[in-house]
PDB file of all heavy atoms in Angstrom:
ATOM      1  N   GLY A   1     -11.122   5.751  11.267  1.00  0.00           N
ATOM      2  CA  GLY A   1     -11.049   7.174  10.999  1.00  0.00           C
ATOM      3  C   GLY A   1      -9.768   7.633  10.327  1.00  0.00           C
ATOM      4  O   GLY A   1      -9.538   8.840  10.176  1.00  0.00           O
ATOM      5  N   LEU A   2      -8.915   6.690   9.921  1.00  0.00           N
ATOM      6  CA  LEU A   2      -7.669   6.999   9.233  1.00  0.00           C
ATOM      7  C   LEU A   2      -7.717   6.428   7.817  1.00  0.00           C
ATOM      8  O   LEU A   2      -8.498   5.502   7.540  1.00  0.00           O
ATOM      9  CB  LEU A   2      -6.472   6.404   9.983  1.00  0.00           C
ATOM     10  CG  LEU A   2      -6.365   6.703  11.479  1.00  0.00           C
ATOM     11  CD1 LEU A   2      -5.137   6.013  12.053  1.00  0.00           C
ATOM     12  CD2 LEU A   2      -6.320   8.199  11.743  1.00  0.00           C
ATOM     13  N   ALA A   3      -6.883   6.964   6.929  1.00  0.00           N
ATOM     14  CA  ALA A   3      -6.865   6.476   5.547  1.00  0.00           C
ATOM     15  C   ALA A   3      -5.439   6.417   5.020  1.00  0.00           C
ATOM     16  O   ALA A   3      -4.587   7.240   5.386  1.00  0.00           O
ATOM     17  CB  ALA A   3      -7.714   7.371   4.648  1.00  0.00           C
ATOM     18  N   ASN A   4      -5.200   5.449   4.164  1.00  0.00           N
ATOM     19  CA  ASN A   4      -3.920   5.328   3.469  1.00  0.00           C
ATOM     20  C   ASN A   4      -4.168   4.603   2.152  1.00  0.00           C
ATOM     21  O   ASN A   4      -5.284   4.119   1.895  1.00  0.00           O
ATOM     22  CB  ASN A   4      -2.901   4.567   4.332  1.00  0.00           C
ATOM     23  CG  ASN A   4      -1.463   4.803   3.892  1.00  0.00           C
ATOM     24  OD1 ASN A   4      -1.203   5.536   2.935  1.00  0.00           O
ATOM     25  ND2 ASN A   4      -0.523   4.177   4.586  1.00  0.00           N
ATOM     26  N   TRP A   5      -3.142   4.558   1.314  1.00  0.00           N
ATOM     27  CA  TRP A   5      -3.224   3.875   0.028  1.00  0.00           C
ATOM     28  C   TRP A   5      -2.112   2.847  -0.081  1.00  0.00           C
ATOM     29  O   TRP A   5      -0.983   3.076   0.375  1.00  0.00           O
ATOM     30  CB  TRP A   5      -3.083   4.878  -1.129  1.00  0.00           C
ATOM     31  CG  TRP A   5      -4.304   5.702  -1.372  1.00  0.00           C
ATOM     32  CD1 TRP A   5      -5.273   5.481  -2.307  1.00  0.00           C
ATOM     33  CD2 TRP A   5      -4.682   6.905  -0.684  1.00  0.00           C
ATOM     34  NE1 TRP A   5      -6.230   6.459  -2.244  1.00  0.00           N
ATOM     35  CE2 TRP A   5      -5.897   7.354  -1.254  1.00  0.00           C
ATOM     36  CE3 TRP A   5      -4.125   7.646   0.364  1.00  0.00           C
ATOM     37  CZ2 TRP A   5      -6.550   8.503  -0.824  1.00  0.00           C
ATOM     38  CZ3 TRP A   5      -4.770   8.794   0.804  1.00  0.00           C
ATOM     39  CH2 TRP A   5      -5.967   9.211   0.220  1.00  0.00           C
ATOM     40  N   ARG A   6      -2.423   1.721  -0.654  1.00  0.00           N
ATOM     41  CA  ARG A   6      -1.430   0.681  -0.933  1.00  0.00           C
ATOM     42  C   ARG A   6      -0.371   1.235  -1.881  1.00  0.00           C
ATOM     43  O   ARG A   6      -0.655   2.137  -2.679  1.00  0.00           O
ATOM     44  CB  ARG A   6      -2.113  -0.536  -1.548  1.00  0.00           C
ATOM     45  CG  ARG A   6      -2.887  -0.217  -2.821  1.00  0.00           C
ATOM     46  CD  ARG A   6      -3.551  -1.430  -3.461  1.00  0.00           C
ATOM     47  NE  ARG A   6      -4.518  -2.051  -2.575  1.00  0.00           N
ATOM     48  CZ  ARG A   6      -4.855  -3.324  -2.624  1.00  0.00           C
ATOM     49  NH1 ARG A   6      -4.301  -4.117  -3.530  1.00  0.00           N
ATOM     50  NH2 ARG A   6      -5.728  -3.821  -1.811  1.00  0.00           N
ATOM     51  N   ALA A   7       0.833   0.690  -1.816  1.00  0.00           N
ATOM     52  CA  ALA A   7       1.900   1.162  -2.691  1.00  0.00           C
ATOM     53  C   ALA A   7       1.590   0.859  -4.157  1.00  0.00           C
ATOM     54  O   ALA A   7       1.755   1.708  -5.027  1.00  0.00           O
ATOM     55  CB  ALA A   7       3.230   0.531  -2.291  1.00  0.00           C
ATOM     56  N   GLN A   8       1.124  -0.363  -4.437  1.00  0.00           N
ATOM     57  CA  GLN A   8       0.795  -0.761  -5.800  1.00  0.00           C
ATOM     58  C   GLN A   8      -0.651  -1.220  -5.866  1.00  0.00           C
ATOM     59  O   GLN A   8      -1.169  -1.841  -4.926  1.00  0.00           O
ATOM     60  CB  GLN A   8       1.708  -1.886  -6.270  1.00  0.00           C
ATOM     61  CG  GLN A   8       3.175  -1.484  -6.372  1.00  0.00           C
ATOM     62  CD  GLN A   8       3.943  -2.372  -7.324  1.00  0.00           C
ATOM     63  OE1 GLN A   8       3.463  -2.709  -8.401  1.00  0.00           O
ATOM     64  NE2 GLN A   8       5.159  -2.746  -6.945  1.00  0.00           N
ATOM     65  N   LEU A   9      -1.284  -0.938  -7.000  1.00  0.00           N
ATOM     66  CA  LEU A   9      -2.671  -1.356  -7.175  1.00  0.00           C
ATOM     67  C   LEU A   9      -2.772  -2.876  -7.225  1.00  0.00           C
ATOM     68  O   LEU A   9      -3.609  -3.475  -6.551  1.00  0.00           O
ATOM     69  CB  LEU A   9      -3.228  -0.755  -8.466  1.00  0.00           C
ATOM     70  CG  LEU A   9      -4.697  -1.078  -8.761  1.00  0.00           C
ATOM     71  CD1 LEU A   9      -5.603  -0.393  -7.758  1.00  0.00           C
ATOM     72  CD2 LEU A   9      -5.062  -0.662 -10.190  1.00  0.00           C
ATOM     73  N   ILE A  10      -1.914  -3.497  -8.021  1.00  0.00           N
ATOM     74  CA  ILE A  10      -1.989  -4.944  -8.248  1.00  0.00           C
ATOM     75  C   ILE A  10      -0.813  -5.612  -7.554  1.00  0.00           C
ATOM     76  O   ILE A  10       0.346  -5.236  -7.769  1.00  0.00           O
ATOM     77  CB  ILE A  10      -1.978  -5.260  -9.760  1.00  0.00           C
ATOM     78  CG1 ILE A  10      -3.183  -4.596 -10.443  1.00  0.00           C
ATOM     79  CG2 ILE A  10      -1.983  -6.765  -9.992  1.00  0.00           C
ATOM     80  CD1 ILE A  10      -3.126  -4.642 -11.962  1.00  0.00           C
ATOM     81  N   THR A  11      -1.086  -6.570  -6.717  1.00  0.00           N
ATOM     82  CA  THR A  11      -0.034  -7.313  -6.022  1.00  0.00           C
ATOM     83  C   THR A  11       0.034  -8.734  -6.565  1.00  0.00           C
ATOM     84  O   THR A  11      -0.945  -9.258  -7.112  1.00  0.00           O
ATOM     85  CB  THR A  11      -0.300  -7.353  -4.511  1.00  0.00           C
ATOM     86  OG1 THR A  11      -1.605  -7.911  -4.277  1.00  0.00           O
ATOM     87  CG2 THR A  11      -0.248  -5.961  -3.911  1.00  0.00           C
ATOM     88  N   ALA A  12       1.182  -9.345  -6.409  1.00  0.00           N
ATOM     89  CA  ALA A  12       1.366 -10.713  -6.878  1.00  0.00           C
ATOM     90  C   ALA A  12       0.486 -11.673  -6.079  1.00  0.00           C
ATOM     91  O   ALA A  12       0.108 -11.384  -4.931  1.00  0.00           O
ATOM     92  CB  ALA A  12       2.832 -11.113  -6.742  1.00  0.00           C
ATOM     93  N   ALA A  13       0.161 -12.783  -6.672  1.00  0.00           N
ATOM     94  CA  ALA A  13      -0.681 -13.779  -6.010  1.00  0.00           C
ATOM     95  C   ALA A  13      -0.082 -14.174  -4.669  1.00  0.00           C
ATOM     96  O   ALA A  13       1.109 -14.493  -4.572  1.00  0.00           O
ATOM     97  CB  ALA A  13      -0.832 -15.008  -6.903  1.00  0.00           C
ATOM     98  N   GLY A  14      -0.872 -14.114  -3.629  1.00  0.00           N
ATOM     99  CA  GLY A  14      -0.421 -14.492  -2.297  1.00  0.00           C
ATOM    100  C   GLY A  14       0.218 -13.365  -1.503  1.00  0.00           C
ATOM    101  O   GLY A  14       0.479 -13.523  -0.309  1.00  0.00           O
ATOM    102  N   GLU A  15       0.496 -12.244  -2.145  1.00  0.00           N
ATOM    103  CA  GLU A  15       1.101 -11.105  -1.447  1.00  0.00           C
ATOM    104  C   GLU A  15       0.025 -10.177  -0.895  1.00  0.00           C
ATOM    105  O   GLU A  15      -1.013  -9.969  -1.525  1.00  0.00           O
ATOM    106  CB  GLU A  15       2.007 -10.306  -2.389  1.00  0.00           C
ATOM    107  CG  GLU A  15       3.323 -10.966  -2.695  1.00  0.00           C
ATOM    108  CD  GLU A  15       4.246 -10.033  -3.466  1.00  0.00           C
ATOM    109  OE1 GLU A  15       3.889  -8.844  -3.640  1.00  0.00           O
ATOM    110  OE2 GLU A  15       5.310 -10.495  -3.899  1.00  0.00           O
ATOM    111  N   LYS A  16       0.299  -9.621   0.271  1.00  0.00           N
ATOM    112  CA  LYS A  16      -0.603  -8.636   0.846  1.00  0.00           C
ATOM    113  C   LYS A  16      -0.192  -7.239   0.387  1.00  0.00           C
ATOM    114  O   LYS A  16       0.993  -6.981   0.153  1.00  0.00           O
ATOM    115  CB  LYS A  16      -0.562  -8.708   2.375  1.00  0.00           C
ATOM    116  CG  LYS A  16      -1.140  -9.989   2.951  1.00  0.00           C
ATOM    117  CD  LYS A  16      -1.110  -9.940   4.475  1.00  0.00           C
ATOM    118  CE  LYS A  16      -1.719 -11.208   5.070  1.00  0.00           C
ATOM    119  NZ  LYS A  16      -1.696 -11.176   6.567  1.00  0.00           N
ATOM    120  N   PRO A  17      -1.147  -6.322   0.256  1.00  0.00           N
ATOM    121  CA  PRO A  17      -0.784  -4.947  -0.103  1.00  0.00           C
ATOM    122  C   PRO A  17       0.173  -4.356   0.929  1.00  0.00           C
ATOM    123  O   PRO A  17       0.073  -4.644   2.122  1.00  0.00           O
ATOM    124  CB  PRO A  17      -2.126  -4.209  -0.088  1.00  0.00           C
ATOM    125  CG  PRO A  17      -3.160  -5.275  -0.231  1.00  0.00           C
ATOM    126  CD  PRO A  17      -2.604  -6.490   0.432  1.00  0.00           C
ATOM    127  N   ARG A  18       1.096  -3.535   0.459  1.00  0.00           N
ATOM    128  CA  ARG A  18       2.083  -2.911   1.337  1.00  0.00           C
ATOM    129  C   ARG A  18       1.645  -1.479   1.647  1.00  0.00           C
ATOM    130  O   ARG A  18       1.343  -0.699   0.738  1.00  0.00           O
ATOM    131  CB  ARG A  18       3.441  -2.905   0.649  1.00  0.00           C
ATOM    132  CG  ARG A  18       4.592  -2.476   1.542  1.00  0.00           C
ATOM    133  CD  ARG A  18       5.881  -2.458   0.761  1.00  0.00           C
ATOM    134  NE  ARG A  18       7.022  -2.193   1.615  1.00  0.00           N
ATOM    135  CZ  ARG A  18       8.163  -1.683   1.194  1.00  0.00           C
ATOM    136  NH1 ARG A  18       8.307  -1.382  -0.084  1.00  0.00           N
ATOM    137  NH2 ARG A  18       9.166  -1.474   2.024  1.00  0.00           N
ATOM    138  N   PHE A  19       1.614  -1.139   2.938  1.00  0.00           N
ATOM    139  CA  PHE A  19       1.232   0.201   3.351  1.00  0.00           C
ATOM    140  C   PHE A  19       2.404   0.868   4.070  1.00  0.00           C
ATOM    141  O   PHE A  19       2.888   0.352   5.086  1.00  0.00           O
ATOM    142  CB  PHE A  19       0.020   0.161   4.290  1.00  0.00           C
ATOM    143  CG  PHE A  19      -1.254  -0.250   3.612  1.00  0.00           C
ATOM    144  CD1 PHE A  19      -1.664  -1.580   3.626  1.00  0.00           C
ATOM    145  CD2 PHE A  19      -2.033   0.681   2.953  1.00  0.00           C
ATOM    146  CE1 PHE A  19      -2.843  -1.964   3.003  1.00  0.00           C
ATOM    147  CE2 PHE A  19      -3.208   0.308   2.313  1.00  0.00           C
ATOM    148  CZ  PHE A  19      -3.613  -1.020   2.339  1.00  0.00           C
ATOM    149  N   LEU A  20       2.856   1.993   3.527  1.00  0.00           N
ATOM    150  CA  LEU A  20       3.885   2.802   4.157  1.00  0.00           C
ATOM    151  C   LEU A  20       3.303   4.180   4.454  1.00  0.00           C
ATOM    152  O   LEU A  20       2.205   4.512   4.015  1.00  0.00           O
ATOM    153  CB  LEU A  20       5.110   2.913   3.253  1.00  0.00           C
ATOM    154  CG  LEU A  20       5.823   1.598   2.928  1.00  0.00           C
ATOM    155  CD1 LEU A  20       6.910   1.818   1.885  1.00  0.00           C
ATOM    156  CD2 LEU A  20       6.429   0.988   4.188  1.00  0.00           C
ATOM    157  N   MET A  21       4.069   5.002   5.193  1.00  0.00           N
ATOM    158  CA  MET A  21       3.570   6.320   5.552  1.00  0.00           C
ATOM    159  C   MET A  21       4.688   7.339   5.322  1.00  0.00           C
ATOM    160  O   MET A  21       5.338   7.819   6.247  1.00  0.00           O
ATOM    161  CB  MET A  21       3.111   6.329   7.018  1.00  0.00           C
ATOM    162  CG  MET A  21       2.340   7.581   7.424  1.00  0.00           C
ATOM    163  SD  MET A  21       0.776   7.818   6.552  1.00  0.00           S
ATOM    164  CE  MET A  21      -0.216   6.480   7.241  1.00  0.00           C
ATOM    165  N   GLN A  22       4.939   7.636   4.038  1.00  0.00           N
ATOM    166  CA  GLN A  22       5.954   8.606   3.659  1.00  0.00           C
ATOM    167  C   GLN A  22       5.568   9.177   2.298  1.00  0.00           C
ATOM    168  O   GLN A  22       4.677   8.651   1.627  1.00  0.00           O
ATOM    169  CB  GLN A  22       7.334   7.945   3.605  1.00  0.00           C
ATOM    170  CG  GLN A  22       7.406   6.709   2.733  1.00  0.00           C
ATOM    171  CD  GLN A  22       8.591   5.811   3.065  1.00  0.00           C
ATOM    172  OE1 GLN A  22       8.867   5.552   4.233  1.00  0.00           O
ATOM    173  NE2 GLN A  22       9.285   5.324   2.039  1.00  0.00           N
ATOM    174  N   PHE A  23       6.215  10.260   1.904  1.00  0.00           N
ATOM    175  CA  PHE A  23       5.805  10.909   0.665  1.00  0.00           C
ATOM    176  C   PHE A  23       5.840   9.950  -0.517  1.00  0.00           C
ATOM    177  O   PHE A  23       4.890   9.866  -1.294  1.00  0.00           O
ATOM    178  CB  PHE A  23       6.694  12.122   0.358  1.00  0.00           C
ATOM    179  CG  PHE A  23       6.382  12.742  -0.972  1.00  0.00           C
ATOM    180  CD1 PHE A  23       5.347  13.645  -1.104  1.00  0.00           C
ATOM    181  CD2 PHE A  23       7.083  12.379  -2.116  1.00  0.00           C
ATOM    182  CE1 PHE A  23       5.016  14.188  -2.336  1.00  0.00           C
ATOM    183  CE2 PHE A  23       6.772  12.914  -3.354  1.00  0.00           C
ATOM    184  CZ  PHE A  23       5.736  13.822  -3.462  1.00  0.00           C
ATOM    185  N   CYS A  24       6.933   9.229  -0.668  1.00  0.00           N
ATOM    186  CA  CYS A  24       7.109   8.409  -1.869  1.00  0.00           C
ATOM    187  C   CYS A  24       6.200   7.185  -1.908  1.00  0.00           C
ATOM    188  O   CYS A  24       5.940   6.651  -2.990  1.00  0.00           O
ATOM    189  CB  CYS A  24       8.566   8.001  -2.028  1.00  0.00           C
ATOM    190  SG  CYS A  24       9.282   7.189  -0.587  1.00  0.00           S
ATOM    191  N   HIS A  25       5.737   6.721  -0.769  1.00  0.00           N
ATOM    192  CA  HIS A  25       4.795   5.601  -0.709  1.00  0.00           C
ATOM    193  C   HIS A  25       3.869   5.832   0.483  1.00  0.00           C
ATOM    194  O   HIS A  25       4.257   5.570   1.619  1.00  0.00           O
ATOM    195  CB  HIS A  25       5.516   4.259  -0.532  1.00  0.00           C
ATOM    196  CG  HIS A  25       6.460   3.901  -1.630  1.00  0.00           C
ATOM    197  ND1 HIS A  25       6.057   3.595  -2.909  1.00  0.00           N
ATOM    198  CD2 HIS A  25       7.817   3.810  -1.634  1.00  0.00           C
ATOM    199  CE1 HIS A  25       7.122   3.324  -3.653  1.00  0.00           C
ATOM    200  NE2 HIS A  25       8.195   3.450  -2.900  1.00  0.00           N
ATOM    201  N   GLY A  26       2.667   6.285   0.235  1.00  0.00           N
ATOM    202  CA  GLY A  26       1.744   6.414   1.343  1.00  0.00           C
ATOM    203  C   GLY A  26       0.979   7.723   1.370  1.00  0.00           C
ATOM    204  O   GLY A  26       1.118   8.586   0.495  1.00  0.00           O
TER     205      GLY A  26
END
């Protein structure tokens, strides 16, 4: 029931998407 957006659309091979919760990222 919650939603967020990854910081970057495309991540480097082997990297997981980064999720933050602040104005500048999240």
